[in-house]
Amino acid sequence: MPSLFDIFTQAQNGAGMQALAQQYGLSMQQAQAAVQALLPAFSQGLQRNTADPYGMGAFMTAMASGQHA
């Protein structure tokens, strides 16, 4: 099973990390370091948000609808 970091770096056939770097004016190395630094907090928030059925339902609805904010 790929790690969360691997999933992020492979998003959009590898173009996701490049898009993130360009959006924030970062090098690829800076973008990867930032993602690695933020993943523990992201993971905890995701676990907390999906811990109950209503939170999981809201998460799945947001993912399916494109409302990721």
C-alpha atoms as a PDB file:
ATOM      1  CA  MET A   1       0.000   0.000   0.000  1.00  0.00           C
ATOM      2  CA  PRO A   2       1.486   3.365  -0.990  1.00  0.00           C
ATOM      3  CA  SER A   3       2.154   5.936   1.696  1.00  0.00           C
ATOM      4  CA  LEU A   4       0.215   9.187   1.801  1.00  0.00           C
ATOM      5  CA  PHE A   5       3.335  10.974   0.530  1.00  0.00           C
ATOM      6  CA  ASP A   6       3.526   8.563  -2.414  1.00  0.00           C
ATOM      7  CA  ILE A   7      -0.125   9.227  -3.210  1.00  0.00           C
ATOM      8  CA  PHE A   8       0.509  12.976  -3.208  1.00  0.00           C
ATOM      9  CA  THR A   9       3.619  12.713  -5.390  1.00  0.00           C
ATOM     10  CA  GLN A  10       1.883  10.408  -7.875  1.00  0.00           C
ATOM     11  CA  ALA A  11      -1.267  12.537  -8.149  1.00  0.00           C
ATOM     12  CA  GLN A  12      -2.124  13.530 -11.706  1.00  0.00           C
ATOM     13  CA  ASN A  13       0.530  11.149 -13.033  1.00  0.00           C
ATOM     14  CA  GLY A  14       3.212  13.031 -11.110  1.00  0.00           C
ATOM     15  CA  ALA A  15       2.118  16.481 -12.264  1.00  0.00           C
ATOM     16  CA  GLY A  16       0.324  17.305  -9.000  1.00  0.00           C
ATOM     17  CA  MET A  17       3.478  18.083  -7.064  1.00  0.00           C
ATOM     18  CA  GLN A  18       4.812  20.185  -9.951  1.00  0.00           C
ATOM     19  CA  ALA A  19       1.538  22.131 -10.048  1.00  0.00           C
ATOM     20  CA  LEU A  20       1.749  22.717  -6.299  1.00  0.00           C
ATOM     21  CA  ALA A  21       5.327  23.948  -6.622  1.00  0.00           C
ATOM     22  CA  GLN A  22       4.428  26.311  -9.459  1.00  0.00           C
ATOM     23  CA  GLN A  23       1.345  27.636  -7.683  1.00  0.00           C
ATOM     24  CA  TYR A  24       3.394  28.700  -4.666  1.00  0.00           C
ATOM     25  CA  GLY A  25       6.611  29.597  -6.479  1.00  0.00           C
ATOM     26  CA  LEU A  26       8.591  26.718  -4.971  1.00  0.00           C
ATOM     27  CA  SER A  27      11.160  24.339  -6.347  1.00  0.00           C
ATOM     28  CA  MET A  28      10.171  20.688  -6.507  1.00  0.00           C
ATOM     29  CA  GLN A  29      12.422  19.969  -3.524  1.00  0.00           C
ATOM     30  CA  GLN A  30      10.774  22.746  -1.503  1.00  0.00           C
ATOM     31  CA  ALA A  31       7.291  21.527  -2.425  1.00  0.00           C
ATOM     32  CA  GLN A  32       8.154  17.955  -1.462  1.00  0.00           C
ATOM     33  CA  ALA A  33       9.647  19.100   1.847  1.00  0.00           C
ATOM     34  CA  ALA A  34       6.551  21.178   2.585  1.00  0.00           C
ATOM     35  CA  VAL A  35       4.224  18.270   1.807  1.00  0.00           C
ATOM     36  CA  GLN A  36       6.297  15.938   4.001  1.00  0.00           C
ATOM     37  CA  ALA A  37       6.196  18.463   6.849  1.00  0.00           C
ATOM     38  CA  LEU A  38       2.424  18.961   6.568  1.00  0.00           C
ATOM     39  CA  LEU A  39       1.383  15.326   6.087  1.00  0.00           C
ATOM     40  CA  PRO A  40       1.259  14.394   9.799  1.00  0.00           C
ATOM     41  CA  ALA A  41      -1.182  17.242  10.528  1.00  0.00           C
ATOM     42  CA  PHE A  42      -3.178  16.452   7.373  1.00  0.00           C
ATOM     43  CA  SER A  43      -3.350  12.789   8.324  1.00  0.00           C
ATOM     44  CA  GLN A  44      -4.535  13.553  11.861  1.00  0.00           C
ATOM     45  CA  GLY A  45      -7.203  15.910  10.546  1.00  0.00           C
ATOM     46  CA  LEU A  46      -8.369  13.319   8.042  1.00  0.00           C
ATOM     47  CA  GLN A  47      -8.563  10.652  10.757  1.00  0.00           C
ATOM     48  CA  ARG A  48     -10.463  12.976  13.075  1.00  0.00           C
ATOM     49  CA  ASN A  49     -12.862  14.060  10.323  1.00  0.00           C
ATOM     50  CA  THR A  50     -13.651  10.522   9.205  1.00  0.00           C
ATOM     51  CA  ALA A  51     -13.860   8.932  12.674  1.00  0.00           C
ATOM     52  CA  ASP A  52     -17.665   8.941  12.677  1.00  0.00           C
ATOM     53  CA  PRO A  53     -20.108   7.955   9.913  1.00  0.00           C
ATOM     54  CA  TYR A  54     -21.338  11.540   9.379  1.00  0.00           C
ATOM     55  CA  GLY A  55     -17.821  12.888   8.999  1.00  0.00           C
ATOM     56  CA  MET A  56     -16.924  10.071   6.628  1.00  0.00           C
ATOM     57  CA  GLY A  57     -20.080  10.734   4.604  1.00  0.00           C
ATOM     58  CA  ALA A  58     -19.275  14.436   4.373  1.00  0.00           C
ATOM     59  CA  PHE A  59     -15.725  13.611   3.288  1.00  0.00           C
ATOM     60  CA  MET A  60     -16.888  11.210   0.584  1.00  0.00           C
ATOM     61  CA  THR A  61     -19.463  13.728  -0.666  1.00  0.00           C
ATOM     62  CA  ALA A  62     -16.814  16.449  -0.860  1.00  0.00           C
ATOM     63  CA  MET A  63     -14.422  14.177  -2.744  1.00  0.00           C
ATOM     64  CA  ALA A  64     -17.113  13.083  -5.190  1.00  0.00           C
ATOM     65  CA  SER A  65     -18.385  16.607  -5.825  1.00  0.00           C
ATOM     66  CA  GLY A  66     -15.027  18.331  -6.154  1.00  0.00           C
ATOM     67  CA  GLN A  67     -15.694  20.560  -3.124  1.00  0.00           C
ATOM     68  CA  HIS A  68     -12.309  19.909  -1.492  1.00  0.00           C
ATOM     69  CA  ALA A  69     -11.906  23.175   0.408  1.00  0.00           C
END
